[in-house]
Amino acid sequence: MTSDKTKIRCEWATGNALQARYHDTEWGVPSRDDRHLFEMLILEGAQAGLSWDTILRKRDNYRRAFAQFDPVKVARFDRGKRGRLLSDPGIVRNRMKIEAAVINAKMVGRMRDEYDSFGAYIWQFVDGKPVKNAWTSHRQVPAETPQSRLMSKDLTRRGFKFVGPTICYAFMQAVGLVNDHVTGCFRYRQV
């Protein structure tokens, strides 16, 4: 059995135990769960301009502050609740990102009405099955793809916020629409 320290991981996941745990258990695992998809969409948007490590460290605070990422509850956040979030040091206190989370929660509700689930809508961008890439180096992984640009354009057209093509691609990676573990990573074949 290989010890945790000798596992070969994607380069970005070698900075600390929190990154390694996220990489080893969640990143790239296909998810169709609406709550998880909403969580990752919000967290990827919150990360814009920051490090993913910052967001991982604040993730539990985000879950508390955003009603465990229940989109129905978040969609009802009124002006007072949004104002209180601006003073919450446990999350990224950016008015535009907080407003985007509430708007996106409302949009997720609309997607559920139209597609039965947010997951059904999201997975259409990869024809319902994960894209399995075969990168040998982290430097080969693109920041965006034609699918992420298409997703971004459609989400934006529908009223979503903080959903640029790079954010959409990071979201696609996180929730397993694409497998971007490098081929030498122990998780590549597992997901």
N, C-alpha and C. Protein backbone atom coordinates (compact mmCIF):
# COMPACT_ATOMS: atom_id res chain seq x y z
N MET A 1 0.84 -1.18 0.00
CA MET A 1 0.00 0.00 0.00
C MET A 1 0.89 1.25 0.00
N THR A 2 0.54 2.20 -0.82
CA THR A 2 1.31 3.42 -0.96
C THR A 2 0.94 4.40 0.14
N SER A 3 1.95 4.98 0.75
CA SER A 3 1.66 5.98 1.78
C SER A 3 1.20 7.27 1.12
N ASP A 4 0.53 8.09 1.90
CA ASP A 4 -0.01 9.34 1.37
C ASP A 4 1.09 10.24 0.83
N LYS A 5 2.26 10.23 1.45
CA LYS A 5 3.35 11.11 1.04
C LYS A 5 3.98 10.68 -0.29
N THR A 6 3.83 9.43 -0.67
CA THR A 6 4.43 8.96 -1.91
C THR A 6 3.46 8.93 -3.08
N LYS A 7 2.23 9.31 -2.87
CA LYS A 7 1.25 9.37 -3.96
C LYS A 7 1.64 10.48 -4.92
N ILE A 8 1.52 10.20 -6.19
CA ILE A 8 1.77 11.22 -7.19
C ILE A 8 0.45 11.92 -7.49
N ARG A 9 0.45 13.22 -7.27
CA ARG A 9 -0.75 14.04 -7.44
C ARG A 9 -0.53 15.09 -8.52
N CYS A 10 -1.62 15.68 -8.96
CA CYS A 10 -1.53 16.85 -9.82
C CYS A 10 -0.73 17.92 -9.08
N GLU A 11 0.07 18.63 -9.81
CA GLU A 11 0.99 19.59 -9.20
C GLU A 11 0.30 20.61 -8.30
N TRP A 12 -0.87 21.09 -8.67
CA TRP A 12 -1.55 22.13 -7.90
C TRP A 12 -1.98 21.64 -6.52
N ALA A 13 -2.03 20.32 -6.33
CA ALA A 13 -2.56 19.76 -5.08
C ALA A 13 -1.48 19.34 -4.10
N THR A 14 -0.29 19.83 -4.27
CA THR A 14 0.81 19.39 -3.41
C THR A 14 1.23 20.42 -2.37
N GLY A 15 0.49 21.52 -2.28
CA GLY A 15 0.88 22.60 -1.37
C GLY A 15 0.63 22.34 0.09
N ASN A 16 -0.48 21.67 0.41
CA ASN A 16 -0.81 21.42 1.81
C ASN A 16 -1.84 20.29 1.91
N ALA A 17 -2.11 19.87 3.13
CA ALA A 17 -3.01 18.73 3.35
C ALA A 17 -4.44 19.03 2.89
N LEU A 18 -4.88 20.26 3.02
CA LEU A 18 -6.24 20.62 2.60
C LEU A 18 -6.39 20.47 1.09
N GLN A 19 -5.42 20.96 0.34
CA GLN A 19 -5.44 20.81 -1.12
C GLN A 19 -5.40 19.33 -1.50
N ALA A 20 -4.52 18.58 -0.86
CA ALA A 20 -4.38 17.15 -1.18
C ALA A 20 -5.68 16.39 -0.90
N ARG A 21 -6.32 16.68 0.22
CA ARG A 21 -7.57 16.00 0.57
C ARG A 21 -8.67 16.32 -0.45
N TYR A 22 -8.79 17.60 -0.82
CA TYR A 22 -9.78 17.99 -1.83
C TYR A 22 -9.50 17.28 -3.16
N HIS A 23 -8.25 17.30 -3.57
CA HIS A 23 -7.84 16.64 -4.80
C HIS A 23 -8.13 15.15 -4.76
N ASP A 24 -7.78 14.51 -3.64
CA ASP A 24 -7.87 13.06 -3.53
C ASP A 24 -9.29 12.53 -3.40
N THR A 25 -10.20 13.36 -2.93
CA THR A 25 -11.55 12.85 -2.64
C THR A 25 -12.66 13.48 -3.47
N GLU A 26 -12.42 14.66 -4.03
CA GLU A 26 -13.54 15.37 -4.66
C GLU A 26 -13.27 15.89 -6.06
N TRP A 27 -12.12 16.51 -6.28
CA TRP A 27 -11.87 17.18 -7.55
C TRP A 27 -11.91 16.20 -8.71
N GLY A 28 -12.76 16.50 -9.66
CA GLY A 28 -12.86 15.67 -10.85
C GLY A 28 -13.84 14.52 -10.75
N VAL A 29 -14.44 14.31 -9.59
CA VAL A 29 -15.42 13.24 -9.43
C VAL A 29 -16.75 13.73 -10.02
N PRO A 30 -17.31 12.99 -10.98
CA PRO A 30 -18.57 13.43 -11.58
C PRO A 30 -19.68 13.61 -10.55
N SER A 31 -20.29 14.79 -10.58
CA SER A 31 -21.38 15.11 -9.66
C SER A 31 -22.58 15.58 -10.46
N ARG A 32 -23.74 15.07 -10.07
CA ARG A 32 -25.00 15.52 -10.68
C ARG A 32 -25.94 16.08 -9.61
N ASP A 33 -25.40 16.23 -8.42
CA ASP A 33 -26.17 16.72 -7.28
C ASP A 33 -26.31 18.24 -7.37
N ASP A 34 -27.54 18.74 -7.45
CA ASP A 34 -27.77 20.16 -7.63
C ASP A 34 -27.13 21.02 -6.54
N ARG A 35 -27.20 20.57 -5.32
CA ARG A 35 -26.63 21.37 -4.22
C ARG A 35 -25.11 21.45 -4.37
N HIS A 36 -24.48 20.35 -4.66
CA HIS A 36 -23.03 20.34 -4.84
C HIS A 36 -22.64 21.18 -6.06
N LEU A 37 -23.38 21.05 -7.15
CA LEU A 37 -23.08 21.85 -8.34
C LEU A 37 -23.21 23.34 -8.05
N PHE A 38 -24.26 23.71 -7.32
CA PHE A 38 -24.43 25.11 -6.94
C PHE A 38 -23.27 25.57 -6.06
N GLU A 39 -22.91 24.75 -5.08
CA GLU A 39 -21.78 25.09 -4.21
C GLU A 39 -20.52 25.36 -5.02
N MET A 40 -20.20 24.47 -5.92
CA MET A 40 -18.96 24.62 -6.68
C MET A 40 -19.03 25.81 -7.63
N LEU A 41 -20.18 26.09 -8.20
CA LEU A 41 -20.31 27.26 -9.06
C LEU A 41 -20.06 28.54 -8.26
N ILE A 42 -20.62 28.59 -7.06
CA ILE A 42 -20.42 29.77 -6.21
C ILE A 42 -18.97 29.88 -5.74
N LEU A 43 -18.38 28.77 -5.33
CA LEU A 43 -17.00 28.81 -4.86
C LEU A 43 -16.03 29.16 -5.98
N GLU A 44 -16.26 28.63 -7.16
CA GLU A 44 -15.37 28.97 -8.28
C GLU A 44 -15.50 30.45 -8.63
N GLY A 45 -16.71 31.00 -8.55
CA GLY A 45 -16.88 32.43 -8.77
C GLY A 45 -16.22 33.26 -7.69
N ALA A 46 -16.32 32.79 -6.45
CA ALA A 46 -15.70 33.50 -5.33
C ALA A 46 -14.19 33.52 -5.47
N GLN A 47 -13.65 32.50 -6.09
CA GLN A 47 -12.20 32.37 -6.23
C GLN A 47 -11.61 33.36 -7.23
N ALA A 48 -12.42 33.91 -8.13
CA ALA A 48 -11.91 34.81 -9.16
C ALA A 48 -10.99 35.86 -8.54
N GLY A 49 -9.76 35.90 -9.00
CA GLY A 49 -8.78 36.86 -8.51
C GLY A 49 -8.06 36.44 -7.24
N LEU A 50 -8.42 35.28 -6.71
CA LEU A 50 -7.81 34.77 -5.48
C LEU A 50 -7.25 33.37 -5.72
N SER A 51 -6.62 32.81 -4.73
CA SER A 51 -6.12 31.44 -4.86
C SER A 51 -7.21 30.45 -4.44
N TRP A 52 -7.18 29.27 -5.03
CA TRP A 52 -8.13 28.23 -4.65
C TRP A 52 -7.91 27.83 -3.19
N ASP A 53 -6.68 27.90 -2.74
CA ASP A 53 -6.38 27.58 -1.35
C ASP A 53 -7.15 28.50 -0.40
N THR A 54 -7.25 29.77 -0.73
CA THR A 54 -8.02 30.73 0.09
C THR A 54 -9.47 30.27 0.21
N ILE A 55 -10.05 29.84 -0.90
CA ILE A 55 -11.45 29.41 -0.90
C ILE A 55 -11.61 28.11 -0.13
N LEU A 56 -10.70 27.17 -0.31
CA LEU A 56 -10.78 25.91 0.44
C LEU A 56 -10.75 26.17 1.95
N ARG A 57 -9.92 27.10 2.37
CA ARG A 57 -9.82 27.43 3.80
C ARG A 57 -11.10 28.08 4.33
N LYS A 58 -11.84 28.73 3.46
CA LYS A 58 -13.07 29.40 3.86
C LYS A 58 -14.32 28.56 3.56
N ARG A 59 -14.15 27.38 3.02
CA ARG A 59 -15.28 26.59 2.54
C ARG A 59 -16.31 26.29 3.62
N ASP A 60 -15.88 25.88 4.79
CA ASP A 60 -16.84 25.61 5.87
C ASP A 60 -17.61 26.87 6.25
N ASN A 61 -16.92 28.01 6.25
CA ASN A 61 -17.60 29.28 6.53
C ASN A 61 -18.62 29.60 5.44
N TYR A 62 -18.27 29.33 4.21
CA TYR A 62 -19.22 29.53 3.11
C TYR A 62 -20.45 28.65 3.29
N ARG A 63 -20.23 27.41 3.67
CA ARG A 63 -21.38 26.51 3.86
C ARG A 63 -22.32 27.06 4.94
N ARG A 64 -21.73 27.56 6.02
CA ARG A 64 -22.55 28.14 7.09
C ARG A 64 -23.26 29.39 6.60
N ALA A 65 -22.52 30.27 5.97
CA ALA A 65 -23.07 31.56 5.55
C ALA A 65 -24.11 31.43 4.44
N PHE A 66 -23.97 30.42 3.61
CA PHE A 66 -24.86 30.26 2.46
C PHE A 66 -25.78 29.05 2.60
N ALA A 67 -26.28 28.84 3.81
CA ALA A 67 -27.32 27.85 4.09
C ALA A 67 -27.00 26.48 3.50
N GLN A 68 -25.76 26.04 3.72
CA GLN A 68 -25.30 24.75 3.21
C GLN A 68 -25.48 24.65 1.68
N PHE A 69 -25.47 25.78 1.04
CA PHE A 69 -25.62 25.90 -0.41
C PHE A 69 -26.94 25.34 -0.91
N ASP A 70 -27.97 25.54 -0.12
CA ASP A 70 -29.32 25.21 -0.56
C ASP A 70 -29.78 26.36 -1.46
N PRO A 71 -29.89 26.14 -2.78
CA PRO A 71 -30.21 27.26 -3.66
C PRO A 71 -31.58 27.89 -3.38
N VAL A 72 -32.52 27.11 -2.89
CA VAL A 72 -33.84 27.67 -2.56
C VAL A 72 -33.72 28.69 -1.43
N LYS A 73 -32.95 28.35 -0.41
CA LYS A 73 -32.76 29.27 0.72
C LYS A 73 -31.93 30.49 0.32
N VAL A 74 -30.85 30.26 -0.43
CA VAL A 74 -29.98 31.37 -0.83
C VAL A 74 -30.75 32.34 -1.73
N ALA A 75 -31.62 31.83 -2.57
CA ALA A 75 -32.41 32.70 -3.46
C ALA A 75 -33.27 33.68 -2.67
N ARG A 76 -33.57 33.34 -1.41
CA ARG A 76 -34.42 34.21 -0.57
C ARG A 76 -33.63 35.18 0.31
N PHE A 77 -32.31 35.21 0.17
CA PHE A 77 -31.52 36.13 0.98
C PHE A 77 -31.93 37.56 0.64
N ASP A 78 -32.42 38.26 1.65
CA ASP A 78 -32.85 39.64 1.42
C ASP A 78 -31.67 40.60 1.58
N ARG A 79 -31.95 41.87 1.41
CA ARG A 79 -30.90 42.89 1.48
C ARG A 79 -30.18 42.86 2.82
N GLY A 80 -30.92 42.65 3.91
CA GLY A 80 -30.30 42.60 5.24
C GLY A 80 -29.33 41.44 5.36
N LYS A 81 -29.73 40.28 4.90
CA LYS A 81 -28.87 39.10 4.96
C LYS A 81 -27.63 39.31 4.10
N ARG A 82 -27.81 39.84 2.92
CA ARG A 82 -26.66 40.09 2.04
C ARG A 82 -25.72 41.12 2.68
N GLY A 83 -26.28 42.12 3.35
CA GLY A 83 -25.46 43.11 4.05
C GLY A 83 -24.66 42.50 5.17
N ARG A 84 -25.27 41.58 5.91
CA ARG A 84 -24.55 40.90 7.00
C ARG A 84 -23.40 40.05 6.44
N LEU A 85 -23.61 39.46 5.28
CA LEU A 85 -22.55 38.67 4.67
C LEU A 85 -21.34 39.53 4.33
N LEU A 86 -21.57 40.79 4.00
CA LEU A 86 -20.46 41.69 3.69
C LEU A 86 -19.54 41.95 4.89
N SER A 87 -20.05 41.69 6.08
CA SER A 87 -19.21 41.88 7.26
C SER A 87 -18.74 40.56 7.86
N ASP A 88 -18.95 39.46 7.16
CA ASP A 88 -18.55 38.14 7.63
C ASP A 88 -17.11 37.85 7.21
N PRO A 89 -16.16 37.86 8.15
CA PRO A 89 -14.75 37.64 7.79
C PRO A 89 -14.46 36.20 7.35
N GLY A 90 -15.41 35.31 7.50
CA GLY A 90 -15.20 33.91 7.11
C GLY A 90 -15.36 33.64 5.64
N ILE A 91 -15.86 34.64 4.89
CA ILE A 91 -16.03 34.49 3.45
C ILE A 91 -15.34 35.64 2.74
N VAL A 92 -15.31 35.59 1.43
CA VAL A 92 -14.78 36.70 0.65
C VAL A 92 -15.85 37.78 0.65
N ARG A 93 -15.51 38.92 1.24
CA ARG A 93 -16.49 40.01 1.41
C ARG A 93 -16.46 40.94 0.21
N ASN A 94 -17.06 40.46 -0.85
CA ASN A 94 -17.12 41.20 -2.09
C ASN A 94 -18.59 41.31 -2.48
N ARG A 95 -19.09 42.51 -2.52
CA ARG A 95 -20.52 42.73 -2.77
C ARG A 95 -20.97 42.05 -4.07
N MET A 96 -20.20 42.20 -5.12
CA MET A 96 -20.60 41.62 -6.41
C MET A 96 -20.66 40.10 -6.35
N LYS A 97 -19.74 39.48 -5.63
CA LYS A 97 -19.73 38.02 -5.53
C LYS A 97 -20.88 37.53 -4.67
N ILE A 98 -21.21 38.25 -3.63
CA ILE A 98 -22.34 37.88 -2.77
C ILE A 98 -23.65 38.04 -3.54
N GLU A 99 -23.80 39.16 -4.23
CA GLU A 99 -25.00 39.37 -5.05
C GLU A 99 -25.11 38.29 -6.12
N ALA A 100 -23.98 37.94 -6.73
CA ALA A 100 -23.97 36.90 -7.76
C ALA A 100 -24.46 35.56 -7.20
N ALA A 101 -24.07 35.24 -5.98
CA ALA A 101 -24.50 33.97 -5.38
C ALA A 101 -26.02 33.92 -5.25
N VAL A 102 -26.61 35.02 -4.84
CA VAL A 102 -28.08 35.07 -4.68
C VAL A 102 -28.76 35.00 -6.05
N ILE A 103 -28.25 35.76 -7.00
CA ILE A 103 -28.81 35.73 -8.35
C ILE A 103 -28.68 34.33 -8.94
N ASN A 104 -27.51 33.72 -8.78
CA ASN A 104 -27.29 32.38 -9.33
C ASN A 104 -28.19 31.34 -8.68
N ALA A 105 -28.48 31.51 -7.40
CA ALA A 105 -29.41 30.60 -6.73
C ALA A 105 -30.79 30.69 -7.38
N LYS A 106 -31.22 31.90 -7.69
CA LYS A 106 -32.51 32.07 -8.38
C LYS A 106 -32.48 31.43 -9.75
N MET A 107 -31.37 31.58 -10.45
CA MET A 107 -31.24 31.00 -11.79
C MET A 107 -31.23 29.47 -11.73
N VAL A 108 -30.60 28.91 -10.70
CA VAL A 108 -30.62 27.45 -10.53
C VAL A 108 -32.07 26.97 -10.40
N GLY A 109 -32.88 27.71 -9.66
CA GLY A 109 -34.30 27.38 -9.55
C GLY A 109 -34.99 27.37 -10.90
N ARG A 110 -34.67 28.34 -11.72
CA ARG A 110 -35.26 28.38 -13.07
C ARG A 110 -34.79 27.20 -13.91
N MET A 111 -33.53 26.83 -13.75
CA MET A 111 -33.01 25.69 -14.52
C MET A 111 -33.70 24.40 -14.07
N ARG A 112 -33.99 24.29 -12.79
CA ARG A 112 -34.72 23.11 -12.29
C ARG A 112 -36.11 23.04 -12.91
N ASP A 113 -36.76 24.19 -13.06
CA ASP A 113 -38.08 24.23 -13.68
C ASP A 113 -38.02 23.79 -15.14
N GLU A 114 -36.97 24.23 -15.82
CA GLU A 114 -36.86 23.96 -17.26
C GLU A 114 -36.29 22.58 -17.57
N TYR A 115 -35.34 22.11 -16.78
CA TYR A 115 -34.62 20.86 -17.08
C TYR A 115 -34.82 19.76 -16.04
N ASP A 116 -35.67 19.95 -15.07
CA ASP A 116 -35.87 19.03 -13.95
C ASP A 116 -34.76 19.09 -12.91
N SER A 117 -33.56 19.44 -13.33
CA SER A 117 -32.47 19.60 -12.37
C SER A 117 -31.41 20.50 -13.00
N PHE A 118 -30.66 21.16 -12.14
CA PHE A 118 -29.53 21.96 -12.61
C PHE A 118 -28.49 21.05 -13.24
N GLY A 119 -28.33 19.87 -12.64
CA GLY A 119 -27.38 18.89 -13.17
C GLY A 119 -27.69 18.50 -14.60
N ALA A 120 -28.96 18.26 -14.90
CA ALA A 120 -29.34 17.89 -16.27
C ALA A 120 -28.94 18.98 -17.26
N TYR A 121 -29.12 20.22 -16.85
CA TYR A 121 -28.72 21.35 -17.71
C TYR A 121 -27.20 21.37 -17.88
N ILE A 122 -26.46 21.30 -16.78
CA ILE A 122 -25.00 21.42 -16.83
C ILE A 122 -24.36 20.29 -17.64
N TRP A 123 -24.84 19.07 -17.46
CA TRP A 123 -24.21 17.94 -18.12
C TRP A 123 -24.45 17.90 -19.63
N GLN A 124 -25.39 18.69 -20.12
CA GLN A 124 -25.61 18.72 -21.57
C GLN A 124 -24.39 19.28 -22.31
N PHE A 125 -23.56 20.06 -21.63
CA PHE A 125 -22.41 20.67 -22.28
C PHE A 125 -21.32 19.65 -22.61
N VAL A 126 -21.40 18.47 -22.04
CA VAL A 126 -20.46 17.39 -22.37
C VAL A 126 -21.22 16.13 -22.82
N ASP A 127 -22.41 16.34 -23.35
CA ASP A 127 -23.24 15.23 -23.84
C ASP A 127 -23.48 14.15 -22.79
N GLY A 128 -23.55 14.57 -21.52
CA GLY A 128 -23.93 13.67 -20.45
C GLY A 128 -22.84 12.77 -19.91
N LYS A 129 -21.64 12.84 -20.46
CA LYS A 129 -20.56 11.99 -19.94
C LYS A 129 -19.26 12.79 -19.85
N PRO A 130 -18.44 12.47 -18.85
CA PRO A 130 -17.21 13.24 -18.63
C PRO A 130 -16.26 13.18 -19.82
N VAL A 131 -15.61 14.28 -20.09
CA VAL A 131 -14.54 14.34 -21.08
C VAL A 131 -13.27 13.89 -20.37
N LYS A 132 -12.62 12.86 -20.90
CA LYS A 132 -11.39 12.35 -20.27
C LYS A 132 -10.20 12.84 -21.09
N ASN A 133 -9.51 13.82 -20.53
CA ASN A 133 -8.31 14.34 -21.18
C ASN A 133 -7.12 13.48 -20.79
N ALA A 134 -6.00 13.71 -21.45
CA ALA A 134 -4.80 12.90 -21.18
C ALA A 134 -3.57 13.82 -21.13
N TRP A 135 -3.63 14.79 -20.22
CA TRP A 135 -2.52 15.72 -20.07
C TRP A 135 -1.39 15.03 -19.30
N THR A 136 -0.17 15.24 -19.73
CA THR A 136 0.98 14.68 -19.01
C THR A 136 1.61 15.71 -18.08
N SER A 137 1.24 16.97 -18.26
CA SER A 137 1.77 18.05 -17.44
C SER A 137 0.66 19.05 -17.14
N HIS A 138 0.73 19.64 -15.96
CA HIS A 138 -0.26 20.65 -15.58
C HIS A 138 -0.23 21.84 -16.54
N ARG A 139 0.94 22.10 -17.13
CA ARG A 139 1.08 23.23 -18.06
C ARG A 139 0.27 23.02 -19.33
N GLN A 140 -0.12 21.80 -19.65
CA GLN A 140 -0.91 21.53 -20.85
C GLN A 140 -2.40 21.81 -20.65
N VAL A 141 -2.83 21.87 -19.42
CA VAL A 141 -4.26 22.03 -19.11
C VAL A 141 -4.69 23.45 -19.50
N PRO A 142 -5.72 23.56 -20.34
CA PRO A 142 -6.15 24.90 -20.76
C PRO A 142 -6.91 25.63 -19.65
N ALA A 143 -6.97 26.93 -19.76
CA ALA A 143 -7.75 27.74 -18.81
C ALA A 143 -9.22 27.76 -19.19
N GLU A 144 -9.50 27.53 -20.47
CA GLU A 144 -10.87 27.47 -20.95
C GLU A 144 -10.90 26.61 -22.21
N THR A 145 -12.08 26.18 -22.59
CA THR A 145 -12.27 25.32 -23.75
C THR A 145 -13.50 25.79 -24.52
N PRO A 146 -13.72 25.25 -25.71
CA PRO A 146 -14.96 25.61 -26.42
C PRO A 146 -16.22 25.30 -25.59
N GLN A 147 -16.20 24.19 -24.83
CA GLN A 147 -17.36 23.85 -24.00
C GLN A 147 -17.55 24.86 -22.87
N SER A 148 -16.46 25.29 -22.26
CA SER A 148 -16.60 26.26 -21.16
C SER A 148 -17.03 27.62 -21.70
N ARG A 149 -16.59 27.96 -22.89
CA ARG A 149 -17.05 29.21 -23.50
C ARG A 149 -18.54 29.14 -23.83
N LEU A 150 -18.97 28.00 -24.33
CA LEU A 150 -20.39 27.82 -24.63
C LEU A 150 -21.22 27.86 -23.35
N MET A 151 -20.75 27.18 -22.31
CA MET A 151 -21.44 27.19 -21.01
C MET A 151 -21.53 28.62 -20.48
N SER A 152 -20.42 29.32 -20.51
CA SER A 152 -20.38 30.69 -20.01
C SER A 152 -21.37 31.58 -20.76
N LYS A 153 -21.37 31.46 -22.06
CA LYS A 153 -22.27 32.28 -22.88
C LYS A 153 -23.73 31.98 -22.55
N ASP A 154 -24.06 30.70 -22.41
CA ASP A 154 -25.45 30.34 -22.13
C ASP A 154 -25.86 30.72 -20.71
N LEU A 155 -24.98 30.48 -19.74
CA LEU A 155 -25.29 30.88 -18.36
C LEU A 155 -25.49 32.40 -18.27
N THR A 156 -24.62 33.14 -18.92
CA THR A 156 -24.73 34.60 -18.91
C THR A 156 -26.03 35.05 -19.56
N ARG A 157 -26.37 34.45 -20.67
CA ARG A 157 -27.62 34.78 -21.36
C ARG A 157 -28.83 34.54 -20.47
N ARG A 158 -28.73 33.54 -19.61
CA ARG A 158 -29.83 33.19 -18.72
C ARG A 158 -29.85 34.03 -17.45
N GLY A 159 -28.83 34.86 -17.24
CA GLY A 159 -28.82 35.76 -16.08
C GLY A 159 -27.84 35.41 -14.99
N PHE A 160 -27.06 34.34 -15.12
CA PHE A 160 -26.06 33.98 -14.12
C PHE A 160 -24.94 35.02 -14.12
N LYS A 161 -24.27 35.15 -12.98
CA LYS A 161 -23.17 36.10 -12.80
C LYS A 161 -21.91 35.35 -12.37
N PHE A 162 -20.76 35.96 -12.63
CA PHE A 162 -19.44 35.37 -12.32
C PHE A 162 -19.32 33.99 -12.94
N VAL A 163 -19.61 33.92 -14.22
CA VAL A 163 -19.56 32.65 -14.94
C VAL A 163 -18.81 32.82 -16.26
N GLY A 164 -17.66 33.47 -16.20
CA GLY A 164 -16.83 33.59 -17.39
C GLY A 164 -16.29 32.24 -17.81
N PRO A 165 -15.71 32.13 -19.00
CA PRO A 165 -15.25 30.84 -19.51
C PRO A 165 -14.18 30.16 -18.64
N THR A 166 -13.32 30.95 -17.99
CA THR A 166 -12.30 30.35 -17.12
C THR A 166 -12.95 29.82 -15.85
N ILE A 167 -13.86 30.57 -15.28
CA ILE A 167 -14.60 30.08 -14.10
C ILE A 167 -15.39 28.84 -14.46
N CYS A 168 -16.03 28.86 -15.62
CA CYS A 168 -16.81 27.68 -16.04
C CYS A 168 -15.91 26.46 -16.22
N TYR A 169 -14.70 26.67 -16.76
CA TYR A 169 -13.83 25.51 -16.94
C TYR A 169 -13.36 24.96 -15.59
N ALA A 170 -13.02 25.84 -14.67
CA ALA A 170 -12.64 25.38 -13.33
C ALA A 170 -13.79 24.63 -12.68
N PHE A 171 -14.99 25.12 -12.87
CA PHE A 171 -16.20 24.43 -12.37
C PHE A 171 -16.33 23.07 -13.03
N MET A 172 -16.15 22.99 -14.34
CA MET A 172 -16.25 21.72 -15.05
C MET A 172 -15.23 20.71 -14.52
N GLN A 173 -14.02 21.18 -14.23
CA GLN A 173 -12.99 20.32 -13.67
C GLN A 173 -13.40 19.83 -12.28
N ALA A 174 -13.88 20.75 -11.47
CA ALA A 174 -14.20 20.44 -10.08
C ALA A 174 -15.29 19.39 -9.96
N VAL A 175 -16.32 19.50 -10.81
CA VAL A 175 -17.48 18.60 -10.68
C VAL A 175 -17.45 17.43 -11.65
N GLY A 176 -16.30 17.22 -12.29
CA GLY A 176 -16.11 16.02 -13.08
C GLY A 176 -16.69 16.01 -14.47
N LEU A 177 -17.06 17.16 -15.00
CA LEU A 177 -17.47 17.18 -16.40
C LEU A 177 -16.27 16.89 -17.29
N VAL A 178 -15.09 17.23 -16.79
CA VAL A 178 -13.84 16.86 -17.45
C VAL A 178 -12.92 16.24 -16.42
N ASN A 179 -12.13 15.28 -16.87
CA ASN A 179 -11.09 14.70 -16.02
C ASN A 179 -9.78 15.34 -16.44
N ASP A 180 -9.32 16.29 -15.66
CA ASP A 180 -8.07 16.96 -15.95
C ASP A 180 -6.96 16.58 -14.97
N HIS A 181 -7.12 15.45 -14.29
CA HIS A 181 -5.98 14.91 -13.56
C HIS A 181 -4.93 14.55 -14.61
N VAL A 182 -3.68 14.88 -14.35
CA VAL A 182 -2.63 14.49 -15.29
C VAL A 182 -2.49 12.96 -15.27
N THR A 183 -2.01 12.41 -16.36
CA THR A 183 -1.97 10.94 -16.50
C THR A 183 -1.12 10.26 -15.44
N GLY A 184 -0.11 10.95 -14.91
CA GLY A 184 0.73 10.37 -13.87
C GLY A 184 0.12 10.43 -12.47
N CYS A 185 -0.96 11.15 -12.31
CA CYS A 185 -1.63 11.30 -11.02
C CYS A 185 -2.37 10.02 -10.65
N PHE A 186 -2.30 9.63 -9.39
CA PHE A 186 -2.96 8.39 -8.98
C PHE A 186 -4.47 8.45 -9.15
N ARG A 187 -5.05 9.66 -9.20
CA ARG A 187 -6.50 9.80 -9.36
C ARG A 187 -6.96 9.71 -10.82
N TYR A 188 -6.06 9.83 -11.76
CA TYR A 188 -6.43 9.88 -13.18
C TYR A 188 -7.32 8.69 -13.56
N ARG A 189 -6.88 7.50 -13.25
CA ARG A 189 -7.66 6.31 -13.63
C ARG A 189 -8.86 6.09 -12.72
N GLN A 190 -8.78 6.59 -11.48
CA GLN A 190 -9.88 6.40 -10.54
C GLN A 190 -11.13 7.18 -10.91
N VAL A 191 -10.93 8.37 -11.51
CA VAL A 191 -12.10 9.16 -11.88
C VAL A 191 -12.33 9.07 -13.37
